[in-house]
Amino acid sequence: MRPQATSSRTQSNSAARHGRLAERRPPWSQYCRGVRFEQRLRDGIHSGVIVLVFRRWKRSQVVPGRRYRTGTDMVEVESVDVIEPSSVDAAQAREAGYASTAELLAGLRGDPALPVYRIRLRRIDGPDPRDELARATSLTEADVAAITARLARMDSSSSCGPWTSAVLALIADRPGTVSTVLAEAMGWQRQDFKQHVRRLKELGLTLSLDVGYRLSPRGASYLNYLQTR
């Protein structure tokens, strides 16, 4: 997405297209990763105080109509606009969780030459779809096909080579084991291992424990399919 202003009509059409596409996607694909929400934002969004976010970006990192995890809640992006910093008023500053426009502008990070994006968010009430997926104790043929295709893409795009089946089996064999030990078993760095497991969690296949992980009912069902096919 190029850093230029987008008309409200274009934004509406984009949101509508994403809404239609979301109806055809598997549940996990309606939610995006890779957007960072600092603690101030997490707290403000959770309390309802913050509904606007301002960012300096080369290009938009979010899409209207898509949903993102803050680390505490789910949010939906309602609109994304490129604006002039001088157009930010006191009301917008309050919606962004700042006491004044000056405080908001002073808090903008990045190269001042970059465009400023104004993102309006809406907190989504309801359960995390990953939890709903994880609770599934049986899988249909369509479920198996969708998971298999997704894992195949994850394997083929990984610099580590195929890894999804091995990690699922490792977690099944060693539930509640600290991630450092599991990472060593795979020959990986701990942070790399955790990032890979998070991708499995996105599909509802694993659950995080106070220490380590375990397979979800969905993950156990899928691993059983792999081991018995």
C-alpha atoms as a PDB file:
ATOM      1  CA  MET A   1       0.000   0.000   0.000  1.00  0.00           C
ATOM      2  CA  ARG A   2       1.561   3.281  -1.089  1.00  0.00           C
ATOM      3  CA  PRO A   3       1.818   6.086   1.498  1.00  0.00           C
ATOM      4  CA  GLN A   4      -0.870   8.317   0.098  1.00  0.00           C
ATOM      5  CA  ALA A   5      -4.285   9.425   1.240  1.00  0.00           C
ATOM      6  CA  THR A   6      -7.104   6.992   0.551  1.00  0.00           C
ATOM      7  CA  SER A   7     -10.664   8.066  -0.116  1.00  0.00           C
ATOM      8  CA  SER A   8     -13.424   6.943   2.252  1.00  0.00           C
ATOM      9  CA  ARG A   9     -15.108   5.199  -0.690  1.00  0.00           C
ATOM     10  CA  THR A  10     -11.962   3.206  -1.422  1.00  0.00           C
ATOM     11  CA  GLN A  11     -11.628   2.313   2.262  1.00  0.00           C
ATOM     12  CA  SER A  12     -15.232   1.167   2.398  1.00  0.00           C
ATOM     13  CA  ASN A  13     -14.841  -0.965  -0.732  1.00  0.00           C
ATOM     14  CA  SER A  14     -11.648  -2.464   0.695  1.00  0.00           C
ATOM     15  CA  ALA A  15     -13.330  -3.328   3.984  1.00  0.00           C
ATOM     16  CA  ALA A  16     -16.254  -4.886   2.143  1.00  0.00           C
ATOM     17  CA  ARG A  17     -13.939  -7.016   0.007  1.00  0.00           C
ATOM     18  CA  HIS A  18     -12.078  -8.198   3.070  1.00  0.00           C
ATOM     19  CA  GLY A  19     -15.370  -8.995   4.786  1.00  0.00           C
ATOM     20  CA  ARG A  20     -16.470 -11.178   1.843  1.00  0.00           C
ATOM     21  CA  LEU A  21     -13.095 -12.898   1.712  1.00  0.00           C
ATOM     22  CA  ALA A  22     -13.137 -13.537   5.464  1.00  0.00           C
ATOM     23  CA  GLU A  23     -16.324 -15.542   5.101  1.00  0.00           C
ATOM     24  CA  ARG A  24     -14.455 -17.995   2.833  1.00  0.00           C
ATOM     25  CA  ARG A  25     -11.251 -18.204   4.862  1.00  0.00           C
ATOM     26  CA  PRO A  26     -10.495 -20.729   7.605  1.00  0.00           C
ATOM     27  CA  PRO A  27     -11.169 -19.089  11.012  1.00  0.00           C
ATOM     28  CA  TRP A  28      -7.509 -18.563  11.862  1.00  0.00           C
ATOM     29  CA  SER A  29      -6.761 -16.596   8.691  1.00  0.00           C
ATOM     30  CA  GLN A  30      -9.052 -13.719   9.658  1.00  0.00           C
ATOM     31  CA  TYR A  31      -6.563 -12.679  12.320  1.00  0.00           C
ATOM     32  CA  CYS A  32      -3.184 -11.149  11.634  1.00  0.00           C
ATOM     33  CA  ARG A  33       0.158 -11.206  13.355  1.00  0.00           C
ATOM     34  CA  GLY A  34       3.176  -8.987  13.085  1.00  0.00           C
ATOM     35  CA  VAL A  35       1.691  -5.696  14.400  1.00  0.00           C
ATOM     36  CA  ARG A  36       3.252  -4.544  17.645  1.00  0.00           C
ATOM     37  CA  PHE A  37       1.192  -2.946  20.382  1.00  0.00           C
ATOM     38  CA  GLU A  38       3.202  -1.401  23.206  1.00  0.00           C
ATOM     39  CA  GLN A  39       1.926  -1.757  26.760  1.00  0.00           C
ATOM     40  CA  ARG A  40       0.425   1.748  26.793  1.00  0.00           C
ATOM     41  CA  LEU A  41      -1.705   0.834  23.789  1.00  0.00           C
ATOM     42  CA  ARG A  42      -2.660  -2.573  25.150  1.00  0.00           C
ATOM     43  CA  ASP A  43      -3.877  -1.074  28.400  1.00  0.00           C
ATOM     44  CA  GLY A  44      -5.686   1.823  26.740  1.00  0.00           C
ATOM     45  CA  ILE A  45      -7.429  -0.361  24.161  1.00  0.00           C
ATOM     46  CA  HIS A  46      -8.473  -2.830  26.843  1.00  0.00           C
ATOM     47  CA  SER A  47      -9.967  -0.079  29.020  1.00  0.00           C
ATOM     48  CA  GLY A  48     -11.671   1.586  26.046  1.00  0.00           C
ATOM     49  CA  VAL A  49      -9.740   4.824  26.425  1.00  0.00           C
ATOM     50  CA  ILE A  50      -7.793   4.404  23.165  1.00  0.00           C
ATOM     51  CA  VAL A  51      -9.548   4.034  19.820  1.00  0.00           C
ATOM     52  CA  LEU A  52      -7.054   5.886  17.619  1.00  0.00           C
ATOM     53  CA  VAL A  53      -3.409   5.100  16.875  1.00  0.00           C
ATOM     54  CA  PHE A  54      -0.960   7.303  15.001  1.00  0.00           C
ATOM     55  CA  ARG A  55       2.111   5.884  13.267  1.00  0.00           C
ATOM     56  CA  ARG A  56       4.888   7.033  10.944  1.00  0.00           C
ATOM     57  CA  TRP A  57       5.245   4.325   8.298  1.00  0.00           C
ATOM     58  CA  LYS A  58       6.658   4.063   4.795  1.00  0.00           C
ATOM     59  CA  ARG A  59       3.455   2.208   3.899  1.00  0.00           C
ATOM     60  CA  SER A  60       0.427   1.021   5.836  1.00  0.00           C
ATOM     61  CA  GLN A  61       1.066  -2.010   8.034  1.00  0.00           C
ATOM     62  CA  VAL A  62      -2.632  -2.715   8.640  1.00  0.00           C
ATOM     63  CA  VAL A  63      -5.701  -3.227   6.480  1.00  0.00           C
ATOM     64  CA  PRO A  64      -9.252  -1.958   7.111  1.00  0.00           C
ATOM     65  CA  GLY A  65     -11.572  -4.794   8.031  1.00  0.00           C
ATOM     66  CA  ARG A  66      -8.796  -7.067   9.287  1.00  0.00           C
ATOM     67  CA  ARG A  67      -8.418  -8.118  12.914  1.00  0.00           C
ATOM     68  CA  TYR A  68      -5.249  -8.073  14.980  1.00  0.00           C
ATOM     69  CA  ARG A  69      -4.169  -9.312  18.383  1.00  0.00           C
ATOM     70  CA  THR A  70      -2.812  -6.739  20.796  1.00  0.00           C
ATOM     71  CA  GLY A  71      -1.499  -9.342  23.221  1.00  0.00           C
ATOM     72  CA  THR A  72      -4.505  -8.704  25.482  1.00  0.00           C
ATOM     73  CA  ASP A  73      -7.480  -8.234  23.175  1.00  0.00           C
ATOM     74  CA  MET A  74      -8.606  -8.566  19.582  1.00  0.00           C
ATOM     75  CA  VAL A  75      -9.111  -5.363  17.594  1.00  0.00           C
ATOM     76  CA  GLU A  76     -10.565  -4.641  14.190  1.00  0.00           C
ATOM     77  CA  VAL A  77      -9.160  -1.856  12.029  1.00  0.00           C
ATOM     78  CA  GLU A  78     -12.060   0.338  10.955  1.00  0.00           C
ATOM     79  CA  SER A  79     -10.147   2.895   8.897  1.00  0.00           C
ATOM     80  CA  VAL A  80      -6.641   3.917   7.860  1.00  0.00           C
ATOM     81  CA  ASP A  81      -5.865   7.424   6.647  1.00  0.00           C
ATOM     82  CA  VAL A  82      -2.740   9.378   5.804  1.00  0.00           C
ATOM     83  CA  ILE A  83      -2.989  12.744   7.528  1.00  0.00           C
ATOM     84  CA  GLU A  84      -1.019  15.926   8.046  1.00  0.00           C
ATOM     85  CA  PRO A  85       0.296  16.219  11.620  1.00  0.00           C
ATOM     86  CA  SER A  86      -1.112  19.731  11.757  1.00  0.00           C
ATOM     87  CA  SER A  87      -4.638  18.309  11.309  1.00  0.00           C
ATOM     88  CA  VAL A  88      -4.553  16.400  14.606  1.00  0.00           C
ATOM     89  CA  ASP A  89      -6.797  18.130  17.134  1.00  0.00           C
ATOM     90  CA  ALA A  90      -7.330  17.798  20.882  1.00  0.00           C
ATOM     91  CA  ALA A  91     -10.244  15.386  20.494  1.00  0.00           C
ATOM     92  CA  GLN A  92      -8.147  12.994  18.391  1.00  0.00           C
ATOM     93  CA  ALA A  93      -5.293  13.253  20.899  1.00  0.00           C
ATOM     94  CA  ARG A  94      -7.653  12.184  23.696  1.00  0.00           C
ATOM     95  CA  GLU A  95      -8.922   9.262  21.583  1.00  0.00           C
ATOM     96  CA  ALA A  96      -5.287   8.222  21.182  1.00  0.00           C
ATOM     97  CA  GLY A  97      -4.726   8.340  24.928  1.00  0.00           C
ATOM     98  CA  TYR A  98      -2.766  11.604  25.103  1.00  0.00           C
ATOM     99  CA  ALA A  99      -3.437  14.676  27.200  1.00  0.00           C
ATOM    100  CA  SER A 100      -2.687  17.067  24.351  1.00  0.00           C
ATOM    101  CA  THR A 101      -1.895  17.273  20.663  1.00  0.00           C
ATOM    102  CA  ALA A 102       1.652  18.341  21.493  1.00  0.00           C
ATOM    103  CA  GLU A 103       2.167  15.209  23.600  1.00  0.00           C
ATOM    104  CA  LEU A 104       0.856  12.998  20.792  1.00  0.00           C
ATOM    105  CA  LEU A 105       3.096  14.569  18.150  1.00  0.00           C
ATOM    106  CA  ALA A 106       6.110  14.408  20.447  1.00  0.00           C
ATOM    107  CA  GLY A 107       5.478  10.708  20.907  1.00  0.00           C
ATOM    108  CA  LEU A 108       5.536   9.892  17.184  1.00  0.00           C
ATOM    109  CA  ARG A 109       8.543   7.750  16.367  1.00  0.00           C
ATOM    110  CA  GLY A 110      10.406   7.440  13.109  1.00  0.00           C
ATOM    111  CA  ASP A 111      11.707   9.711  10.398  1.00  0.00           C
ATOM    112  CA  PRO A 112       9.724  12.988  10.369  1.00  0.00           C
ATOM    113  CA  ALA A 113       9.770  12.760   6.555  1.00  0.00           C
ATOM    114  CA  LEU A 114       7.571   9.644   6.652  1.00  0.00           C
ATOM    115  CA  PRO A 115       3.800   9.986   6.243  1.00  0.00           C
ATOM    116  CA  VAL A 116       1.651   9.871   9.371  1.00  0.00           C
ATOM    117  CA  TYR A 117      -1.080   7.239   9.449  1.00  0.00           C
ATOM    118  CA  ARG A 118      -4.188   7.537  11.607  1.00  0.00           C
ATOM    119  CA  ILE A 119      -5.703   4.147  12.439  1.00  0.00           C
ATOM    120  CA  ARG A 120      -9.125   3.811  14.036  1.00  0.00           C
ATOM    121  CA  LEU A 121      -9.589   0.602  16.005  1.00  0.00           C
ATOM    122  CA  ARG A 122     -12.501  -1.239  17.552  1.00  0.00           C
ATOM    123  CA  ARG A 123     -11.967  -3.726  20.349  1.00  0.00           C
ATOM    124  CA  ILE A 124     -13.666  -7.055  19.646  1.00  0.00           C
ATOM    125  CA  ASP A 125     -15.552  -8.687  22.490  1.00  0.00           C
ATOM    126  CA  GLY A 126     -15.713 -12.450  22.509  1.00  0.00           C
ATOM    127  CA  PRO A 127     -13.435 -15.468  22.789  1.00  0.00           C
ATOM    128  CA  ASP A 128     -10.113 -15.749  21.026  1.00  0.00           C
ATOM    129  CA  PRO A 129     -10.784 -17.846  17.886  1.00  0.00           C
ATOM    130  CA  ARG A 130      -7.603 -19.804  18.607  1.00  0.00           C
ATOM    131  CA  ASP A 131      -9.199 -21.070  21.818  1.00  0.00           C
ATOM    132  CA  GLU A 132     -12.323 -22.145  19.946  1.00  0.00           C
ATOM    133  CA  LEU A 133     -10.200 -23.970  17.369  1.00  0.00           C
ATOM    134  CA  ALA A 134      -8.055 -25.584  20.043  1.00  0.00           C
ATOM    135  CA  ARG A 135     -11.068 -27.131  21.781  1.00  0.00           C
ATOM    136  CA  ALA A 136     -12.113 -29.163  18.722  1.00  0.00           C
ATOM    137  CA  THR A 137     -11.780 -32.841  19.600  1.00  0.00           C
ATOM    138  CA  SER A 138     -12.558 -34.189  16.141  1.00  0.00           C
ATOM    139  CA  LEU A 139     -11.583 -33.063  12.672  1.00  0.00           C
ATOM    140  CA  THR A 140     -13.476 -33.278   9.417  1.00  0.00           C
ATOM    141  CA  GLU A 141     -11.759 -34.180   6.165  1.00  0.00           C
ATOM    142  CA  ALA A 142     -11.923 -30.506   5.235  1.00  0.00           C
ATOM    143  CA  ASP A 143     -10.261 -29.546   8.528  1.00  0.00           C
ATOM    144  CA  VAL A 144      -7.454 -32.038   7.954  1.00  0.00           C
ATOM    145  CA  ALA A 145      -6.935 -30.858   4.386  1.00  0.00           C
ATOM    146  CA  ALA A 146      -6.796 -27.200   5.435  1.00  0.00           C
ATOM    147  CA  ILE A 147      -4.344 -27.838   8.280  1.00  0.00           C
ATOM    148  CA  THR A 148      -2.173 -30.074   6.097  1.00  0.00           C
ATOM    149  CA  ALA A 149      -1.997 -27.443   3.361  1.00  0.00           C
ATOM    150  CA  ARG A 150      -1.149 -24.690   5.830  1.00  0.00           C
ATOM    151  CA  LEU A 151       1.567 -26.742   7.536  1.00  0.00           C
ATOM    152  CA  ALA A 152       3.029 -27.704   4.149  1.00  0.00           C
ATOM    153  CA  ARG A 153       3.387 -24.020   3.281  1.00  0.00           C
ATOM    154  CA  MET A 154       5.015 -23.348   6.643  1.00  0.00           C
ATOM    155  CA  ASP A 155       7.455 -26.220   6.079  1.00  0.00           C
ATOM    156  CA  SER A 156       8.347 -25.185   2.537  1.00  0.00           C
ATOM    157  CA  SER A 157       8.952 -21.542   3.480  1.00  0.00           C
ATOM    158  CA  SER A 158      11.144 -22.319   6.497  1.00  0.00           C
ATOM    159  CA  SER A 159      14.912 -21.927   6.358  1.00  0.00           C
ATOM    160  CA  CYS A 160      15.048 -24.784   8.888  1.00  0.00           C
ATOM    161  CA  GLY A 161      13.429 -27.233   6.470  1.00  0.00           C
ATOM    162  CA  PRO A 162      10.276 -29.215   7.295  1.00  0.00           C
ATOM    163  CA  TRP A 163       9.603 -28.802  11.010  1.00  0.00           C
ATOM    164  CA  THR A 164       5.880 -28.778  11.842  1.00  0.00           C
ATOM    165  CA  SER A 165       5.373 -32.522  12.370  1.00  0.00           C
ATOM    166  CA  ALA A 166       8.567 -32.810  14.415  1.00  0.00           C
ATOM    167  CA  VAL A 167       7.591 -29.952  16.722  1.00  0.00           C
ATOM    168  CA  LEU A 168       4.064 -31.270  17.197  1.00  0.00           C
ATOM    169  CA  ALA A 169       5.458 -34.712  18.075  1.00  0.00           C
ATOM    170  CA  LEU A 170       8.041 -33.198  20.426  1.00  0.00           C
ATOM    171  CA  ILE A 171       5.428 -31.217  22.332  1.00  0.00           C
ATOM    172  CA  ALA A 172       3.188 -34.284  22.510  1.00  0.00           C
ATOM    173  CA  ASP A 173       6.046 -36.353  23.956  1.00  0.00           C
ATOM    174  CA  ARG A 174       7.260 -33.681  26.378  1.00  0.00           C
ATOM    175  CA  PRO A 175       4.329 -31.541  27.573  1.00  0.00           C
ATOM    176  CA  GLY A 176       5.135 -28.919  30.164  1.00  0.00           C
ATOM    177  CA  THR A 177       8.835 -28.950  29.287  1.00  0.00           C
ATOM    178  CA  VAL A 178      10.645 -25.616  29.369  1.00  0.00           C
ATOM    179  CA  SER A 179      11.124 -24.178  25.883  1.00  0.00           C
ATOM    180  CA  THR A 180      14.915 -24.021  26.276  1.00  0.00           C
ATOM    181  CA  VAL A 181      15.063 -27.819  26.505  1.00  0.00           C
ATOM    182  CA  LEU A 182      12.680 -28.278  23.583  1.00  0.00           C
ATOM    183  CA  ALA A 183      14.700 -25.846  21.479  1.00  0.00           C
ATOM    184  CA  GLU A 184      17.885 -27.783  22.208  1.00  0.00           C
ATOM    185  CA  ALA A 185      16.151 -30.995  21.125  1.00  0.00           C
ATOM    186  CA  MET A 186      15.435 -29.345  17.753  1.00  0.00           C
ATOM    187  CA  GLY A 187      18.895 -27.798  17.519  1.00  0.00           C
ATOM    188  CA  TRP A 188      17.397 -24.287  17.508  1.00  0.00           C
ATOM    189  CA  GLN A 189      17.748 -21.119  19.511  1.00  0.00           C
ATOM    190  CA  ARG A 190      15.069 -20.712  22.165  1.00  0.00           C
ATOM    191  CA  GLN A 191      13.537 -17.609  20.574  1.00  0.00           C
ATOM    192  CA  ASP A 192      13.360 -19.304  17.165  1.00  0.00           C
ATOM    193  CA  PHE A 193      11.604 -22.269  18.732  1.00  0.00           C
ATOM    194  CA  LYS A 194       9.047 -20.077  20.493  1.00  0.00           C
ATOM    195  CA  GLN A 195       8.307 -18.178  17.287  1.00  0.00           C
ATOM    196  CA  HIS A 196       7.668 -21.434  15.445  1.00  0.00           C
ATOM    197  CA  VAL A 197       5.366 -22.732  18.191  1.00  0.00           C
ATOM    198  CA  ARG A 198       3.401 -19.484  18.060  1.00  0.00           C
ATOM    199  CA  ARG A 199       2.640 -20.263  14.412  1.00  0.00           C
ATOM    200  CA  LEU A 200       1.200 -23.628  15.452  1.00  0.00           C
ATOM    201  CA  LYS A 201      -0.821 -21.900  18.143  1.00  0.00           C
ATOM    202  CA  GLU A 202      -2.313 -19.633  15.476  1.00  0.00           C
ATOM    203  CA  LEU A 203      -3.832 -22.793  13.970  1.00  0.00           C
ATOM    204  CA  GLY A 204      -5.202 -23.922  17.324  1.00  0.00           C
ATOM    205  CA  LEU A 205      -2.796 -26.867  17.499  1.00  0.00           C
ATOM    206  CA  THR A 206      -0.870 -26.030  20.683  1.00  0.00           C
ATOM    207  CA  LEU A 207      -1.553 -24.447  24.061  1.00  0.00           C
ATOM    208  CA  SER A 208       0.875 -22.446  26.190  1.00  0.00           C
ATOM    209  CA  LEU A 209       1.340 -23.532  29.793  1.00  0.00           C
ATOM    210  CA  ASP A 210       3.003 -21.724  32.704  1.00  0.00           C
ATOM    211  CA  VAL A 211       6.025 -23.799  31.729  1.00  0.00           C
ATOM    212  CA  GLY A 212       6.253 -25.135  28.199  1.00  0.00           C
ATOM    213  CA  TYR A 213       3.387 -26.256  25.987  1.00  0.00           C
ATOM    214  CA  ARG A 214       1.003 -29.069  25.281  1.00  0.00           C
ATOM    215  CA  LEU A 215      -1.030 -30.089  22.287  1.00  0.00           C
ATOM    216  CA  SER A 216      -4.594 -28.836  22.175  1.00  0.00           C
ATOM    217  CA  PRO A 217      -7.386 -31.356  21.569  1.00  0.00           C
ATOM    218  CA  ARG A 218      -7.300 -30.191  17.950  1.00  0.00           C
ATOM    219  CA  GLY A 219      -3.539 -30.660  17.780  1.00  0.00           C
ATOM    220  CA  ALA A 220      -3.743 -34.115  19.347  1.00  0.00           C
ATOM    221  CA  SER A 221      -6.404 -35.127  16.830  1.00  0.00           C
ATOM    222  CA  TYR A 222      -4.293 -33.919  13.941  1.00  0.00           C
ATOM    223  CA  LEU A 223      -1.129 -35.615  15.209  1.00  0.00           C
ATOM    224  CA  ASN A 224      -3.083 -38.846  15.619  1.00  0.00           C
ATOM    225  CA  TYR A 225      -4.154 -38.496  11.980  1.00  0.00           C
ATOM    226  CA  LEU A 226      -0.510 -38.090  10.913  1.00  0.00           C
ATOM    227  CA  GLN A 227       0.620 -41.102  12.910  1.00  0.00           C
ATOM    228  CA  THR A 228      -2.165 -43.449  11.782  1.00  0.00           C
ATOM    229  CA  ARG A 229      -2.663 -42.550   8.129  1.00  0.00           C
END
